[in-house]
Structure formats: C-alpha cells, structure tokens
Amino acid sequence: MPVRRMDHVGVVVEDLAAAVAFFVELGLELEGEATVGGRWADDLLGLDGVRADIAVVRTPDGHSRIELSTFHSPATTNAAPHAAVNTPGIPRLTFVVDRVDDVFDRLRTHGAELVGTVAQYEDIYRYCYVRGPAGIIVGLVEELRPDPNP
C-alpha cells in the first residue's frame, strides 16, 4: 500500500496568529509552533532564502492536522485566493460540528463570512461554507440524524 495515512493539510496565511485563533475557535487544538528556514527548507520548497513561521493545529480526535504558515521570505508576488467555491484548485476543509449556527457565530468574530447560506439537505445535514483566514473555504456540517456508529 503506497499511502499509510494523510499527515496534514498545509495552508499559507498572511496573519498566523489570526489563523490560529480562527481554528482554535472552531475547536482545533494548537499542537506546536516553530520558525523554519535554511537549506533543507529551500530544497523542499524550491525557493531561496526561506524563512517562515508555522503552527500546527489538530482536531480533538488527533487524526487530522492543519499546518498554517506565514512566509517572511522570499517575498510572494501573488495575493491570497478569494475565488469562487467552484474554482479549480481552491481548497475546502470540512468539519463536522455540533451546531452550525453556534460555530459560525463564534467564527464570525474571527472574520468568517458565509459563502452562500446555511443549507439543509433533507433531514440529514445542515451545511455551510465560510471563508476563513487567507480566503480558505471551511465547510461546517451539522449531522441531524444520530450517528449509527458513535
């Protein structure tokens, strides 16, 4: 089997502290923070003079992680994406939450904006997309039926 597990998703953000606060408010836990750079980082990323701050947040179950990074060098020439949800290559991270409305209200204080509306699919889900740090799209899913496999 070539893949043993997915390790993490990486997202480059402009304001690392704000991004960490957003995901902590969502319910993730800060796993650690570091500054990276040097030859290994240059080689890995195909850039010269890499210096970045990173933070890793994880889901409460410990199975999923997000690496958030802010680059101090080299300078970027592109702005963060704020494209529509159907744009190829735009990442979406989706989380199951207890109550979509409550979570969105908390995230709104961290700059989250609804992409569309909170939609309900039959009596199964309430679901919405919010735009979070650096334009990343975060899905919030509330399961309306009890999980048959808790």
C-alpha atoms as a PDB file:
ATOM      1  CA  MET A   1       0.000   0.000   0.000  1.00  0.00           C
ATOM      2  CA  PRO A   2       1.709   3.244  -1.089  1.00  0.00           C
ATOM      3  CA  VAL A   3      -0.143   5.578   1.339  1.00  0.00           C
ATOM      4  CA  ARG A   4      -0.184   4.818   5.057  1.00  0.00           C
ATOM      5  CA  ARG A   5      -2.167   7.910   6.135  1.00  0.00           C
ATOM      6  CA  MET A   6      -2.687  11.561   5.334  1.00  0.00           C
ATOM      7  CA  ASP A   7      -0.384  13.581   7.569  1.00  0.00           C
ATOM      8  CA  HIS A   8      -1.682  17.141   7.254  1.00  0.00           C
ATOM      9  CA  VAL A   9      -3.026  19.890   5.015  1.00  0.00           C
ATOM     10  CA  GLY A  10      -0.857  22.985   4.624  1.00  0.00           C
ATOM     11  CA  VAL A  11      -2.257  26.488   4.238  1.00  0.00           C
ATOM     12  CA  VAL A  12      -0.234  29.666   3.759  1.00  0.00           C
ATOM     13  CA  VAL A  13      -1.807  32.599   5.593  1.00  0.00           C
ATOM     14  CA  GLU A  14      -0.978  36.279   5.918  1.00  0.00           C
ATOM     15  CA  ASP A  15      -1.676  36.565   9.663  1.00  0.00           C
ATOM     16  CA  LEU A  16      -0.586  33.441  11.527  1.00  0.00           C
ATOM     17  CA  ALA A  17      -1.948  34.492  14.929  1.00  0.00           C
ATOM     18  CA  ALA A  18      -5.376  35.277  13.445  1.00  0.00           C
ATOM     19  CA  ALA A  19      -5.448  31.954  11.579  1.00  0.00           C
ATOM     20  CA  VAL A  20      -4.535  30.012  14.720  1.00  0.00           C
ATOM     21  CA  ALA A  21      -7.229  31.878  16.678  1.00  0.00           C
ATOM     22  CA  PHE A  22      -9.787  31.044  13.961  1.00  0.00           C
ATOM     23  CA  PHE A  23      -9.071  27.311  14.031  1.00  0.00           C
ATOM     24  CA  VAL A  24      -8.826  27.189  17.838  1.00  0.00           C
ATOM     25  CA  GLU A  25     -12.255  28.877  17.995  1.00  0.00           C
ATOM     26  CA  LEU A  26     -13.503  26.192  15.605  1.00  0.00           C
ATOM     27  CA  GLY A  27     -12.370  23.601  18.158  1.00  0.00           C
ATOM     28  CA  LEU A  28      -8.947  22.516  16.927  1.00  0.00           C
ATOM     29  CA  GLU A  29      -6.037  22.383  19.349  1.00  0.00           C
ATOM     30  CA  LEU A  30      -2.659  24.051  18.900  1.00  0.00           C
ATOM     31  CA  GLU A  31      -0.075  21.276  18.601  1.00  0.00           C
ATOM     32  CA  GLY A  32       3.019  23.429  18.200  1.00  0.00           C
ATOM     33  CA  GLU A  33       4.737  26.402  16.607  1.00  0.00           C
ATOM     34  CA  ALA A  34       8.164  26.863  15.024  1.00  0.00           C
ATOM     35  CA  THR A  35      10.249  29.037  12.738  1.00  0.00           C
ATOM     36  CA  VAL A  36      11.685  27.210   9.745  1.00  0.00           C
ATOM     37  CA  GLY A  37      14.340  28.061   7.209  1.00  0.00           C
ATOM     38  CA  GLY A  38      17.707  27.041   5.913  1.00  0.00           C
ATOM     39  CA  ARG A  39      18.942  24.830   3.125  1.00  0.00           C
ATOM     40  CA  TRP A  40      16.508  21.952   3.781  1.00  0.00           C
ATOM     41  CA  ALA A  41      13.506  24.303   3.568  1.00  0.00           C
ATOM     42  CA  ASP A  42      14.878  25.907   0.383  1.00  0.00           C
ATOM     43  CA  ASP A  43      15.390  22.471  -1.174  1.00  0.00           C
ATOM     44  CA  LEU A  44      11.970  21.197  -0.098  1.00  0.00           C
ATOM     45  CA  LEU A  45      10.036  24.226  -1.375  1.00  0.00           C
ATOM     46  CA  GLY A  46      12.158  25.040  -4.432  1.00  0.00           C
ATOM     47  CA  LEU A  47      12.715  28.583  -3.148  1.00  0.00           C
ATOM     48  CA  ASP A  48      15.768  30.523  -1.986  1.00  0.00           C
ATOM     49  CA  GLY A  49      16.062  32.164   1.425  1.00  0.00           C
ATOM     50  CA  VAL A  50      13.029  30.581   3.054  1.00  0.00           C
ATOM     51  CA  ARG A  51      12.118  31.911   6.476  1.00  0.00           C
ATOM     52  CA  ALA A  52       8.642  31.124   7.745  1.00  0.00           C
ATOM     53  CA  ASP A  53       6.704  30.775  10.965  1.00  0.00           C
ATOM     54  CA  ILE A  54       4.448  27.737  11.203  1.00  0.00           C
ATOM     55  CA  ALA A  55       1.801  26.497  13.585  1.00  0.00           C
ATOM     56  CA  VAL A  56       0.139  23.091  13.556  1.00  0.00           C
ATOM     57  CA  VAL A  57      -3.416  22.654  14.807  1.00  0.00           C
ATOM     58  CA  ARG A  58      -5.124  19.299  15.174  1.00  0.00           C
ATOM     59  CA  THR A  59      -8.651  18.016  15.522  1.00  0.00           C
ATOM     60  CA  PRO A  60      -9.656  16.914  19.031  1.00  0.00           C
ATOM     61  CA  ASP A  61      -9.562  13.242  17.968  1.00  0.00           C
ATOM     62  CA  GLY A  62      -5.899  13.684  16.959  1.00  0.00           C
ATOM     63  CA  HIS A  63      -6.401  12.212  13.478  1.00  0.00           C
ATOM     64  CA  SER A  64      -6.240  15.375  11.328  1.00  0.00           C
ATOM     65  CA  ARG A  65      -3.846  18.308  11.305  1.00  0.00           C
ATOM     66  CA  ILE A  66      -3.506  21.628   9.519  1.00  0.00           C
ATOM     67  CA  GLU A  67      -0.130  23.311   9.114  1.00  0.00           C
ATOM     68  CA  LEU A  68      -0.554  27.076   8.962  1.00  0.00           C
ATOM     69  CA  SER A  69       2.432  29.046   7.699  1.00  0.00           C
ATOM     70  CA  THR A  70       3.422  32.656   7.147  1.00  0.00           C
ATOM     71  CA  PHE A  71       6.432  33.360   4.948  1.00  0.00           C
ATOM     72  CA  HIS A  72       8.759  36.236   5.790  1.00  0.00           C
ATOM     73  CA  SER A  73      10.999  35.440   2.822  1.00  0.00           C
ATOM     74  CA  PRO A  74      11.186  35.136  -0.043  1.00  0.00           C
ATOM     75  CA  ALA A  75       8.549  37.731  -0.894  1.00  0.00           C
ATOM     76  CA  THR A  76       5.494  36.453  -2.721  1.00  0.00           C
ATOM     77  CA  THR A  77       4.112  38.092  -5.832  1.00  0.00           C
ATOM     78  CA  ASN A  78       0.579  36.709  -5.563  1.00  0.00           C
ATOM     79  CA  ALA A  79      -2.238  37.578  -3.198  1.00  0.00           C
ATOM     80  CA  ALA A  80      -4.300  35.029  -1.281  1.00  0.00           C
ATOM     81  CA  PRO A  81      -7.093  33.453  -3.326  1.00  0.00           C
ATOM     82  CA  HIS A  82     -10.605  34.758  -2.871  1.00  0.00           C
ATOM     83  CA  ALA A  83     -12.046  32.927  -5.831  1.00  0.00           C
ATOM     84  CA  ALA A  84     -15.466  31.326  -6.046  1.00  0.00           C
ATOM     85  CA  VAL A  85     -16.082  27.910  -4.480  1.00  0.00           C
ATOM     86  CA  ASN A  86     -16.167  26.209  -7.892  1.00  0.00           C
ATOM     87  CA  THR A  87     -12.707  27.459  -8.958  1.00  0.00           C
ATOM     88  CA  PRO A  88     -10.352  24.535  -9.666  1.00  0.00           C
ATOM     89  CA  GLY A  89      -7.610  24.253  -7.074  1.00  0.00           C
ATOM     90  CA  ILE A  90      -9.381  26.205  -4.324  1.00  0.00           C
ATOM     91  CA  PRO A  91      -9.097  24.102  -1.155  1.00  0.00           C
ATOM     92  CA  ARG A  92     -12.064  23.370   1.069  1.00  0.00           C
ATOM     93  CA  LEU A  93     -11.669  21.894   4.521  1.00  0.00           C
ATOM     94  CA  THR A  94     -14.844  20.488   6.049  1.00  0.00           C
ATOM     95  CA  PHE A  95     -15.531  19.754   9.707  1.00  0.00           C
ATOM     96  CA  VAL A  96     -18.446  18.047  11.443  1.00  0.00           C
ATOM     97  CA  VAL A  97     -19.677  20.310  14.265  1.00  0.00           C
ATOM     98  CA  ASP A  98     -22.406  20.079  16.885  1.00  0.00           C
ATOM     99  CA  ARG A  99     -24.366  23.180  15.830  1.00  0.00           C
ATOM    100  CA  VAL A 100     -23.568  25.051  12.612  1.00  0.00           C
ATOM    101  CA  ASP A 101     -25.191  28.315  13.743  1.00  0.00           C
ATOM    102  CA  ASP A 102     -23.286  28.434  17.034  1.00  0.00           C
ATOM    103  CA  VAL A 103     -19.955  27.646  15.405  1.00  0.00           C
ATOM    104  CA  PHE A 104     -20.483  30.216  12.658  1.00  0.00           C
ATOM    105  CA  ASP A 105     -21.412  32.890  15.216  1.00  0.00           C
ATOM    106  CA  ARG A 106     -18.137  32.202  17.064  1.00  0.00           C
ATOM    107  CA  LEU A 107     -16.077  32.191  13.854  1.00  0.00           C
ATOM    108  CA  ARG A 108     -17.671  35.440  12.670  1.00  0.00           C
ATOM    109  CA  THR A 109     -15.798  37.233  15.469  1.00  0.00           C
ATOM    110  CA  HIS A 110     -12.618  35.985  13.752  1.00  0.00           C
ATOM    111  CA  GLY A 111     -13.593  37.368  10.342  1.00  0.00           C
ATOM    112  CA  ALA A 112     -15.507  34.388   8.922  1.00  0.00           C
ATOM    113  CA  GLU A 113     -18.079  35.218   6.254  1.00  0.00           C
ATOM    114  CA  LEU A 114     -20.722  32.927   4.791  1.00  0.00           C
ATOM    115  CA  VAL A 115     -20.024  31.954   1.187  1.00  0.00           C
ATOM    116  CA  GLY A 116     -23.701  31.174   0.464  1.00  0.00           C
ATOM    117  CA  THR A 117     -26.270  30.370   3.130  1.00  0.00           C
ATOM    118  CA  VAL A 118     -26.723  27.665   5.726  1.00  0.00           C
ATOM    119  CA  ALA A 119     -28.493  24.989   3.705  1.00  0.00           C
ATOM    120  CA  GLN A 120     -30.334  21.913   4.873  1.00  0.00           C
ATOM    121  CA  TYR A 121     -30.242  18.646   2.957  1.00  0.00           C
ATOM    122  CA  GLU A 122     -33.440  16.774   3.789  1.00  0.00           C
ATOM    123  CA  ASP A 123     -33.407  15.756   7.457  1.00  0.00           C
ATOM    124  CA  ILE A 124     -29.793  14.604   7.248  1.00  0.00           C
ATOM    125  CA  TYR A 125     -27.466  17.654   7.318  1.00  0.00           C
ATOM    126  CA  ARG A 126     -27.235  21.387   7.865  1.00  0.00           C
ATOM    127  CA  TYR A 127     -24.215  22.595   5.931  1.00  0.00           C
ATOM    128  CA  CYS A 128     -22.496  25.850   5.087  1.00  0.00           C
ATOM    129  CA  TYR A 129     -19.238  27.169   3.733  1.00  0.00           C
ATOM    130  CA  VAL A 130     -17.457  30.076   5.382  1.00  0.00           C
ATOM    131  CA  ARG A 131     -14.458  31.966   4.118  1.00  0.00           C
ATOM    132  CA  GLY A 132     -11.751  31.980   6.754  1.00  0.00           C
ATOM    133  CA  PRO A 133      -8.120  33.100   7.013  1.00  0.00           C
ATOM    134  CA  ALA A 134      -6.391  33.902   3.717  1.00  0.00           C
ATOM    135  CA  GLY A 135      -9.594  33.142   1.817  1.00  0.00           C
ATOM    136  CA  ILE A 136      -9.651  29.439   2.671  1.00  0.00           C
ATOM    137  CA  ILE A 137     -13.091  27.892   2.453  1.00  0.00           C
ATOM    138  CA  VAL A 138     -14.187  25.948   5.528  1.00  0.00           C
ATOM    139  CA  GLY A 139     -17.241  23.699   5.452  1.00  0.00           C
ATOM    140  CA  LEU A 140     -19.308  23.243   8.597  1.00  0.00           C
ATOM    141  CA  VAL A 141     -21.586  20.202   8.722  1.00  0.00           C
ATOM    142  CA  GLU A 142     -24.174  19.501  11.394  1.00  0.00           C
ATOM    143  CA  GLU A 143     -25.475  15.941  11.336  1.00  0.00           C
ATOM    144  CA  LEU A 144     -29.194  15.974  12.090  1.00  0.00           C
ATOM    145  CA  ARG A 145     -29.562  12.226  12.454  1.00  0.00           C
ATOM    146  CA  PRO A 146     -27.763  10.415  15.262  1.00  0.00           C
ATOM    147  CA  ASP A 147     -24.580   8.680  14.149  1.00  0.00           C
ATOM    148  CA  PRO A 148     -25.327   4.925  13.968  1.00  0.00           C
ATOM    149  CA  ASN A 149     -21.636   4.223  14.704  1.00  0.00           C
ATOM    150  CA  PRO A 150     -20.647   6.518  17.602  1.00  0.00           C
END
